[in-house]
Protein backbone atom coordinates (compact mmCIF):
# COMPACT_ATOMS: atom_id res chain seq x y z
CA UNK A 1 -175.66 91.45 27.31
CA UNK A 2 -176.28 94.97 25.84
CA UNK A 3 -173.83 97.64 25.69
CA UNK A 4 -175.91 99.97 27.75
CA UNK A 5 -176.44 97.21 30.38
CA UNK A 6 -172.54 96.58 30.55
CA UNK A 7 -172.11 100.44 30.99
CA UNK A 8 -174.53 100.48 33.84
CA UNK A 9 -172.75 97.52 35.68
CA UNK A 10 -169.30 98.96 35.17
CA UNK A 11 -170.50 102.38 36.58
CA UNK A 12 -171.88 100.75 39.64
CA UNK A 13 -168.53 98.75 40.20
CA UNK A 14 -166.82 102.26 39.87
CA UNK A 15 -169.07 103.58 42.56
CA UNK A 16 -168.16 100.61 44.76
CA UNK A 17 -164.65 101.18 43.98
CA UNK A 18 -164.84 104.91 45.19
CA UNK A 19 -166.41 103.76 48.32
CA UNK A 20 -163.74 101.02 48.96
CA UNK A 21 -161.17 103.80 48.40
CA UNK A 22 -162.72 106.01 50.90
CA UNK A 23 -163.37 103.24 53.38
CA UNK A 24 -159.67 101.99 53.19
CA UNK A 25 -158.30 105.41 53.62
CA UNK A 26 -160.73 105.95 56.59
CA UNK A 27 -159.42 102.57 57.84
CA UNK A 28 -155.66 103.80 57.38
CA UNK A 29 -156.16 106.92 59.51
CA UNK A 30 -157.62 104.76 62.35
CA UNK A 31 -154.81 102.47 62.11
CA UNK A 32 -152.37 105.36 62.41
CA UNK A 33 -153.89 106.52 65.39
CA UNK A 34 -153.71 102.89 66.81
CA UNK A 35 -149.96 102.97 65.92
CA UNK A 36 -149.47 106.23 67.84
CA UNK A 37 -151.00 104.74 70.86
CA UNK A 38 -148.80 101.70 70.40
CA UNK A 39 -145.68 104.00 70.29
CA UNK A 40 -146.68 105.76 73.23
CA UNK A 41 -147.10 102.57 75.40
CA UNK A 42 -144.22 100.72 73.76
CA UNK A 43 -146.40 98.05 72.33
CA UNK A 44 -145.38 95.92 69.45
CA UNK A 45 -147.06 97.08 66.09
CA UNK A 46 -147.63 93.42 64.83
CA UNK A 47 -150.41 91.80 66.91
CA UNK A 48 -151.03 88.25 65.54
CA UNK A 49 -153.86 87.55 67.92
CA UNK A 50 -155.64 90.68 66.66
CA UNK A 51 -155.23 89.53 62.96
CA UNK A 52 -156.45 86.16 63.81
CA UNK A 53 -159.55 87.82 65.43
CA UNK A 54 -160.26 89.71 62.32
CA UNK A 55 -159.69 86.97 60.14
CA UNK A 56 -162.20 84.74 62.13
CA UNK A 57 -164.66 87.57 61.80
CA UNK A 58 -164.03 87.50 58.00
CA UNK A 59 -165.03 83.82 58.07
CA UNK A 60 -168.06 84.21 60.12
CA UNK A 61 -169.60 86.94 58.18
CA UNK A 62 -168.35 86.21 54.64
CA UNK A 63 -171.50 85.26 52.46
CA UNK A 64 -169.61 85.00 49.07
CA UNK A 65 -169.33 84.98 46.20
CA UNK A 66 -165.78 85.24 47.35
CA UNK A 67 -164.49 82.12 48.95
CA UNK A 68 -163.61 82.86 52.64
CA UNK A 69 -159.86 82.13 51.72
CA UNK A 70 -159.87 84.65 49.06
CA UNK A 71 -161.51 87.20 51.28
CA UNK A 72 -158.96 86.41 54.14
CA UNK A 73 -155.96 86.80 51.56
CA UNK A 74 -157.11 90.23 50.63
CA UNK A 75 -157.52 91.18 54.33
CA UNK A 76 -154.15 90.07 54.86
CA UNK A 77 -152.88 92.28 52.19
CA UNK A 78 -154.72 95.18 53.97
CA UNK A 79 -152.95 94.10 57.19
CA UNK A 80 -149.45 94.31 55.71
CA UNK A 81 -150.21 97.74 54.04
CA UNK A 82 -151.46 98.95 57.70
CA UNK A 83 -148.16 97.78 59.26
CA UNK A 84 -146.03 99.57 56.71
CA UNK A 85 -148.29 102.78 57.29
CA UNK A 86 -147.52 102.54 61.16
CA UNK A 87 -143.87 101.75 60.69
CA UNK A 88 -143.58 104.85 58.43
CA UNK A 89 -145.28 106.99 61.01
CA UNK A 90 -142.90 105.36 63.60
CA UNK A 91 -139.88 106.49 61.64
CA UNK A 92 -141.32 110.10 61.30
CA UNK A 93 -141.80 110.15 65.16
CA UNK A 94 -138.28 109.38 66.04
CA UNK A 95 -136.63 111.98 68.17
CA UNK A 96 -133.30 111.29 66.11
CA UNK A 97 -135.38 111.33 62.65
CA UNK A 98 -134.47 114.12 60.23
CA UNK A 99 -138.10 114.63 59.95
CA UNK A 100 -138.25 115.83 63.61
CA UNK A 101 -135.41 118.04 63.20
CA UNK A 102 -134.35 119.36 59.58
CA UNK A 103 -130.97 120.98 60.77
CA UNK A 104 -128.01 119.01 61.73
CA UNK A 105 -127.16 118.30 65.44
CA UNK A 106 -123.66 119.80 66.02
CA UNK A 107 -121.66 117.93 68.90
CA UNK A 108 -118.94 120.10 70.03
CA UNK A 109 -115.93 118.50 71.57
CA UNK A 110 -112.62 120.31 72.35
CA UNK A 111 -113.04 122.66 69.61
CA UNK A 112 -114.14 120.15 66.94
CA UNK A 113 -117.84 120.64 65.81
CA UNK A 114 -118.80 117.29 64.47
CA UNK A 115 -121.77 117.70 62.29
CA UNK A 116 -120.88 121.24 61.07
CA UNK A 117 -119.75 120.22 57.69
CA UNK A 118 -115.82 120.39 58.74
CA UNK A 119 -114.47 116.77 58.45
CA UNK A 120 -112.00 115.82 60.97
CA UNK A 121 -110.04 112.71 62.47
CA UNK A 122 -110.08 110.80 65.78
CA UNK A 123 -107.02 108.95 66.56
CA UNK A 124 -105.71 106.83 69.45
CA UNK A 125 -104.58 103.66 70.54
CA UNK A 126 -106.62 100.28 70.64
CA UNK A 127 -106.00 100.00 74.48
CA UNK A 128 -104.31 102.14 77.06
CA UNK A 129 -101.50 100.23 78.15
CA UNK A 130 -98.99 102.79 79.78
CA UNK A 131 -98.52 106.68 80.16
CA UNK A 132 -95.45 106.22 77.83
CA UNK A 133 -97.52 104.53 75.17
CA UNK A 134 -100.45 107.20 75.26
CA UNK A 135 -98.02 110.02 75.35
CA UNK A 136 -96.16 109.01 72.22
CA UNK A 137 -99.43 108.71 70.38
CA UNK A 138 -100.69 112.06 71.61
CA UNK A 139 -97.53 113.89 70.75
CA UNK A 140 -97.89 112.59 67.08
CA UNK A 141 -101.54 113.61 67.20
CA UNK A 142 -100.90 117.22 68.67
CA UNK A 143 -98.16 117.68 65.74
CA UNK A 144 -100.72 116.81 63.00
CA UNK A 145 -103.24 119.29 64.55
CA UNK A 146 -105.74 116.69 65.84
CA UNK A 147 -107.85 117.47 68.96
CA UNK A 148 -109.69 114.10 69.60
CA UNK A 149 -107.99 111.22 71.09
CA UNK A 150 -109.83 107.75 71.51
CA UNK A 151 -108.46 105.01 73.76
CA UNK A 152 -109.78 102.08 75.56
CA UNK A 153 -109.63 101.56 79.30
CA UNK A 154 -112.31 99.00 79.59
CA UNK A 155 -111.89 96.42 76.66
CA UNK A 156 -114.74 94.08 75.98
CA UNK A 157 -112.90 91.11 74.15
CA UNK A 158 -114.27 88.15 72.33
CA UNK A 159 -112.12 85.72 74.50
CA UNK A 160 -112.27 86.18 78.23
CA UNK A 161 -108.29 85.38 78.34
CA UNK A 162 -107.42 88.51 76.16
CA UNK A 163 -106.27 91.71 77.55
CA UNK A 164 -109.32 93.61 79.31
CA UNK A 165 -107.97 96.90 79.82
CA UNK A 166 -106.62 98.82 82.67
CA UNK A 167 -110.01 99.95 83.88
CA UNK A 168 -109.88 103.24 86.07
CA UNK A 169 -106.12 103.55 85.74
CA UNK A 170 -106.57 103.79 82.01
CA UNK A 171 -109.15 106.53 82.21
CA UNK A 172 -106.73 108.49 84.50
CA UNK A 173 -103.88 107.98 81.89
CA UNK A 174 -105.95 109.09 79.10
CA UNK A 175 -107.08 112.30 81.02
CA UNK A 176 -103.61 113.10 82.23
CA UNK A 177 -101.89 112.76 78.74
CA UNK A 178 -104.96 114.47 76.89
CA UNK A 179 -104.53 117.50 79.38
CA UNK A 180 -100.94 117.85 78.58
CA UNK A 181 -101.65 118.03 74.91
CA UNK A 182 -104.74 119.83 74.80
CA UNK A 183 -106.87 116.71 73.57
CA UNK A 184 -110.36 115.57 73.98
CA UNK A 185 -110.89 112.08 75.28
CA UNK A 186 -113.18 109.32 74.03
CA UNK A 187 -113.33 106.08 75.91
CA UNK A 188 -115.76 103.18 75.91
CA UNK A 189 -117.85 102.38 79.19
CA UNK A 190 -119.28 98.99 79.47
CA UNK A 191 -121.20 99.29 82.92
CA UNK A 192 -124.04 101.58 83.63
CA UNK A 193 -122.60 101.79 87.25
CA UNK A 194 -119.24 103.14 85.84
CA UNK A 195 -120.81 106.09 83.86
CA UNK A 196 -120.88 108.51 86.73
CA UNK A 197 -117.10 107.59 87.58
CA UNK A 198 -116.17 107.98 83.90
CA UNK A 199 -117.53 111.62 83.68
CA UNK A 200 -114.44 113.00 85.58
CA UNK A 201 -112.04 111.59 82.95
CA UNK A 202 -113.90 111.46 79.37
CA UNK A 203 -115.15 114.15 77.17
CA UNK A 204 -117.20 111.62 75.04
CA UNK A 205 -118.62 108.41 76.34
CA UNK A 206 -118.22 105.49 73.86
CA UNK A 207 -120.91 102.61 73.62
CA UNK A 208 -119.07 99.91 71.87
CA UNK A 209 -120.49 97.63 69.24
CA UNK A 210 -121.33 94.84 71.78
CA UNK A 211 -123.37 97.16 73.82
CA UNK A 212 -125.28 98.94 71.16
CA UNK A 213 -128.49 97.16 72.55
CA UNK A 214 -127.53 97.40 76.25
CA UNK A 215 -130.60 99.21 76.86
CA UNK A 216 -129.80 100.02 80.51
CA UNK A 217 -126.50 101.45 79.42
CA UNK A 218 -128.24 103.53 76.73
CA UNK A 219 -130.78 105.05 79.14
CA UNK A 220 -128.11 105.77 81.60
CA UNK A 221 -125.70 107.66 79.27
CA UNK A 222 -129.10 109.45 78.12
CA UNK A 223 -129.30 111.24 81.41
CA UNK A 224 -125.77 112.57 81.61
CA UNK A 225 -124.52 115.80 80.15
CA UNK A 226 -121.89 114.20 78.04
CA UNK A 227 -121.82 113.45 74.14
CA UNK A 228 -122.07 109.88 73.52
CA UNK A 229 -120.40 108.06 70.57
CA UNK A 230 -122.63 104.95 69.58
CA UNK A 231 -121.16 102.34 67.56
CA UNK A 232 -123.16 100.09 65.18
CA UNK A 233 -123.72 96.53 66.44
CA UNK A 234 -121.75 93.45 65.04
CA UNK A 235 -124.71 92.55 62.81
CA UNK A 236 -127.18 95.39 63.45
CA UNK A 237 -129.50 96.60 60.82
CA UNK A 238 -129.67 100.41 60.31
CA UNK A 239 -133.02 100.71 61.74
CA UNK A 240 -131.89 98.88 64.87
CA UNK A 241 -128.93 101.42 65.02
CA UNK A 242 -131.13 104.17 64.90
CA UNK A 243 -133.38 102.99 67.44
CA UNK A 244 -130.60 102.32 69.85
CA UNK A 245 -129.78 106.18 69.46
CA UNK A 246 -133.42 106.73 70.24
CA UNK A 247 -132.90 105.10 73.50
CA UNK A 248 -130.44 107.60 74.29
CA UNK A 249 -132.11 110.77 73.05
CA UNK A 250 -135.42 109.81 74.88
CA UNK A 251 -133.66 110.61 78.16
CA UNK A 252 -132.83 113.98 77.20
CA UNK A 253 -129.36 113.84 75.67
CA UNK A 254 -129.29 114.64 72.04
CA UNK A 255 -125.45 114.91 71.68
CA UNK A 256 -125.06 111.54 69.81
CA UNK A 257 -122.35 110.80 67.30
CA UNK A 258 -123.14 107.44 65.11
CA UNK A 259 -120.14 105.34 64.20
CA UNK A 260 -120.22 102.81 61.29
CA UNK A 261 -117.77 100.24 62.19
CA UNK A 262 -118.39 97.47 59.86
CA UNK A 263 -120.79 94.49 60.25
CA UNK A 264 -120.26 90.95 60.25
CA UNK A 265 -120.95 89.15 57.03
CA UNK A 266 -119.81 85.89 55.36
CA UNK A 267 -116.68 87.81 53.99
CA UNK A 268 -113.30 86.76 55.60
CA UNK A 269 -110.94 89.17 53.68
CA UNK A 270 -111.51 91.82 56.35
CA UNK A 271 -112.45 91.72 59.91
CA UNK A 272 -115.90 93.16 59.23
CA UNK A 273 -117.67 94.46 56.02
CA UNK A 274 -117.64 98.16 55.95
CA UNK A 275 -121.15 99.42 55.10
CA UNK A 276 -120.07 102.64 53.52
CA UNK A 277 -123.53 103.23 52.19
CA UNK A 278 -124.83 103.52 55.93
CA UNK A 279 -123.33 106.97 55.92
CA UNK A 280 -125.55 108.93 53.44
CA UNK A 281 -128.52 106.70 54.73
CA UNK A 282 -127.94 107.70 58.43
CA UNK A 283 -127.27 111.30 57.45
CA UNK A 284 -130.47 111.33 55.45
CA UNK A 285 -132.72 109.40 58.11
CA UNK A 286 -131.25 111.18 61.20
CA UNK A 287 -129.92 114.66 62.21
CA UNK A 288 -126.99 113.22 63.95
CA UNK A 289 -123.19 113.46 63.04
CA UNK A 290 -121.91 110.18 61.52
CA UNK A 291 -118.33 108.83 61.63
CA UNK A 292 -116.54 105.88 60.28
CA UNK A 293 -114.23 103.55 62.16
CA UNK A 294 -111.97 102.28 59.49
CA UNK A 295 -109.69 100.20 61.83
CA UNK A 296 -112.46 97.91 63.41
CA UNK A 297 -114.34 97.57 60.01
CA UNK A 298 -111.15 96.29 58.03
CA UNK A 299 -108.97 94.94 60.70
CA UNK A 300 -106.15 95.64 58.23
CA UNK A 301 -103.48 98.31 58.28
CA UNK A 302 -103.00 98.30 54.41
CA UNK A 303 -106.98 99.17 54.01
CA UNK A 304 -107.00 102.13 56.45
CA UNK A 305 -106.15 104.82 53.91
CA UNK A 306 -108.44 103.78 50.91
CA UNK A 307 -111.39 103.12 53.50
CA UNK A 308 -110.72 106.63 55.01
CA UNK A 309 -110.84 108.25 51.64
CA UNK A 310 -114.13 106.52 50.85
CA UNK A 311 -115.58 107.63 54.22
CA UNK A 312 -114.44 111.24 53.59
CA UNK A 313 -115.75 111.43 50.07
CA UNK A 314 -119.15 109.89 50.95
CA UNK A 315 -119.70 112.58 53.61
CA UNK A 316 -118.71 111.17 57.13
CA UNK A 317 -118.13 113.91 59.68
CA UNK A 318 -114.95 111.94 60.93
CA UNK A 319 -112.73 109.13 60.35
CA UNK A 320 -111.66 107.19 63.35
CA UNK A 321 -108.38 104.96 63.45
CA UNK A 322 -105.98 103.44 65.82
CA UNK A 323 -102.30 104.32 66.30
CA UNK A 324 -99.60 102.56 68.55
CA UNK A 325 -95.99 103.54 68.94
CA UNK A 326 -95.02 99.65 68.29
CA UNK A 327 -97.96 97.67 67.04
CA UNK A 328 -96.15 94.51 66.97
CA UNK A 329 -96.20 94.41 70.70
CA UNK A 330 -99.56 95.96 71.33
CA UNK A 331 -101.88 94.04 73.90
CA UNK A 332 -104.73 94.17 71.51
CA UNK A 333 -105.37 94.48 67.71
CA UNK A 334 -101.86 94.52 66.64
CA UNK A 335 -102.54 93.93 62.85
CA UNK A 336 -104.71 96.89 62.50
CA UNK A 337 -102.88 99.71 64.23
CA UNK A 338 -100.67 102.17 62.61
CA UNK A 339 -97.29 103.06 63.97
CA UNK A 340 -96.33 106.71 64.17
CA UNK A 341 -94.57 106.85 60.84
CA UNK A 342 -97.47 105.32 59.12
CA UNK A 343 -99.80 107.60 61.01
CA UNK A 344 -97.89 110.66 59.50
CA UNK A 345 -98.12 109.28 56.28
CA UNK A 346 -101.74 108.43 56.50
CA UNK A 347 -102.56 111.99 57.80
CA UNK A 348 -100.44 113.73 55.10
CA UNK A 349 -102.28 111.80 52.31
CA UNK A 350 -105.64 112.36 53.98
CA UNK A 351 -105.10 116.24 54.14
CA UNK A 352 -104.09 116.28 50.48
CA UNK A 353 -107.00 114.20 49.61
CA UNK A 354 -109.56 116.38 51.53
CA UNK A 355 -107.84 119.59 50.01
CA UNK A 356 -108.60 118.18 46.63
CA UNK A 357 -112.34 117.57 47.69
CA UNK A 358 -112.87 121.08 48.80
C-alpha cells in the first residue's frame, strides 16, 4: 500500500471519528434531557428493559465487520457513560447541592448560628430520666456558656427490652429545664404523627440514624417551620445521606443540620467507625451545616476528646456529645457518657484547642 493511499484512508477514519464525536455528544444531550424527565417523575435512571431493547436493535441491524458481541460491548460502554452523565446532572439538580446554592445555609437556634463559621458544642443526656438529672446537666452547660441541649425522650433501641424513653413526659422535662437555663432543645421524634405535638417542646427536631430513610417522617418534618437535625444512617453512603436531606428540603424546609455519627463497619474497637472525611465532603457537596456526634460514633468516653478535636480541626460546625450526672446508673449508653467533672475538663480542653486553631 502506498503512503498516499494510507494517508487517504487515515484521513477518512479521522472524518468518521469527528462524526462519531459529534453524534456521541448529541446523544449525550438527549440522554441529559431524558435524565431530567426521569428526575421530575421520580423514575429510576437505570432501565434494564430499555438497555436490552437497544442491544437487540444492535443485533438486528449490525452488518459487520464488527462481531455483534463486540458492537454490543461498545454500546454498553456508551450506556454506562450516559448513566454517569445523568447521575452528575442529578447531583447538580439537588436542592441541597452546593451547585444550587453557593453560600452556606445558616441555621439559627437559640443564638447559635450553625453554618456561619463559628464552631460550637451541643451537649446533653442520652436519655431524659428525671428533672433532677436534666437540670444537673443543663446547669453545667450554662456555666460553660453552651446554648444547645440534646436529650432523648423517645429512644429507638436495638433491643425491645431496653429503656425506650419517657415520651411526652421527657419532652416536657426538657422544655421546662431548658427554659430555666436559657437553652435550646434538640430531641428525636420517631413517628410522623408525633411531629406536631413535639413542636411545642423542641427547637430542633432530630431524625435519628435508624430513621434516616423513614421517608414519611422526612416529608413530615419538611413541612414544619422548625430546624431538623438529620443523622446519617447506620451504614448509609454519603449519597444516600444527601438524598435523605433532599426529601426534607423538597417539602420547603431548608433548615437542615447534617450529623455524621459514625457508620457500621467490621471494626469492633469502637461502637461505630467515625467517617471524619464525610465532614469536608458534605460541606463541599451541600450548603448545609455539618456536625459530628462523637459519642455515638465511638461509644467510648476515652475517645470523645481526640475525636472532637479532629471534628473541629476538619471544619465541623459543631460537636455533639453526651453528659450524665452519674453515668454508672444511666438507663442507656452508660459507657459513652461523661460525668459533670469530665464534661468540664472536656470543654476546657476544647476551648483551649479551638483558641489555638483560630
